[in-house]
Protein backbone atom coordinates (compact mmCIF):
# COMPACT_ATOMS: atom_id res chain seq x y z
CA MET A 1 23.82 106.73 -31.12
CA ALA A 2 26.84 108.96 -31.59
CA TRP A 3 26.51 110.45 -28.12
CA GLU A 4 27.28 107.05 -26.59
CA TYR A 5 30.85 107.28 -27.89
CA SER A 6 31.50 110.97 -27.38
CA LYS A 7 33.29 112.63 -24.51
CA ILE A 8 30.38 115.04 -24.07
CA ASP A 9 27.05 114.20 -22.56
CA ARG A 10 23.80 113.44 -24.33
CA GLU A 11 22.26 116.79 -23.40
CA VAL A 12 24.91 118.63 -25.42
CA THR A 13 24.59 116.35 -28.44
CA ASP A 14 20.79 116.69 -28.31
CA ARG A 15 21.18 120.48 -28.45
CA TRP A 16 23.52 120.20 -31.43
CA LYS A 17 21.00 117.93 -33.19
CA LYS A 18 18.19 120.43 -32.56
CA MET A 19 20.33 123.30 -33.91
CA GLY A 20 21.15 121.26 -37.01
CA ASP A 21 17.49 120.39 -37.58
CA PHE A 22 16.52 124.04 -37.19
CA GLY A 23 19.23 125.11 -39.65
CA GLU A 24 17.95 122.64 -42.24
CA TYR A 25 14.38 123.87 -41.69
CA VAL A 26 15.46 127.49 -42.24
CA ALA A 27 17.50 126.55 -45.32
CA GLU A 28 14.51 124.72 -46.84
CA LYS A 29 12.28 127.72 -46.19
CA LEU A 30 14.78 130.17 -47.71
CA LEU A 31 15.27 128.00 -50.78
CA SER A 32 11.51 127.86 -51.28
CA GLU A 33 11.11 131.62 -50.85
CA ASN A 34 13.82 132.20 -53.47
CA GLY A 35 12.30 130.20 -56.28
CA PHE A 36 13.84 126.78 -55.79
CA THR A 37 11.72 123.71 -56.47
CA GLU A 38 12.05 119.98 -55.83
CA ILE A 39 13.51 120.77 -52.39
CA ARG A 40 14.44 117.58 -50.58
CA ASN A 41 16.00 117.09 -47.19
CA LEU A 42 18.33 114.20 -47.95
CA ASN A 43 18.63 113.31 -44.26
CA LYS A 44 14.95 112.35 -44.27
CA GLU A 45 15.64 109.84 -47.05
CA LYS A 46 18.78 108.42 -45.46
CA HIS A 47 20.07 109.66 -42.12
CA ASN A 48 23.40 111.54 -42.37
CA LYS A 49 23.96 111.60 -46.12
CA LEU A 50 27.70 111.90 -46.63
CA PHE A 51 27.85 114.62 -49.27
CA ALA A 52 24.94 117.01 -48.65
CA ASP A 53 21.91 117.79 -46.50
CA LEU A 54 19.58 119.43 -49.02
CA TYR A 55 18.84 119.13 -52.71
CA ALA A 56 16.92 121.73 -54.74
CA VAL A 57 16.44 122.84 -58.33
CA LYS A 58 16.27 126.35 -59.80
CA ASN A 59 16.01 127.12 -63.51
CA LYS A 60 16.44 123.39 -64.23
CA LYS A 61 19.85 123.43 -62.50
CA PRO A 62 20.35 121.25 -59.43
CA LEU A 63 21.87 122.59 -56.25
CA CYS A 64 23.16 120.55 -53.34
CA TYR A 65 23.52 122.32 -50.03
CA LEU A 66 26.73 120.90 -48.67
CA ARG A 67 27.42 120.55 -45.00
């Protein structure tokens, strides 16, 4: 785990993780409410994707939500 190597304690990194998860949840919800389809949380497919967190399509055009 990343917290093992950080200078901050696990409690702080756990809070950051929860905030990040919540942000991704909100982003997925907003994308859905605004007509995007094929919404995928790329972190669920492979933890910590390097280039983006979310993928979605609108009007046959892909969108990647970058970090």
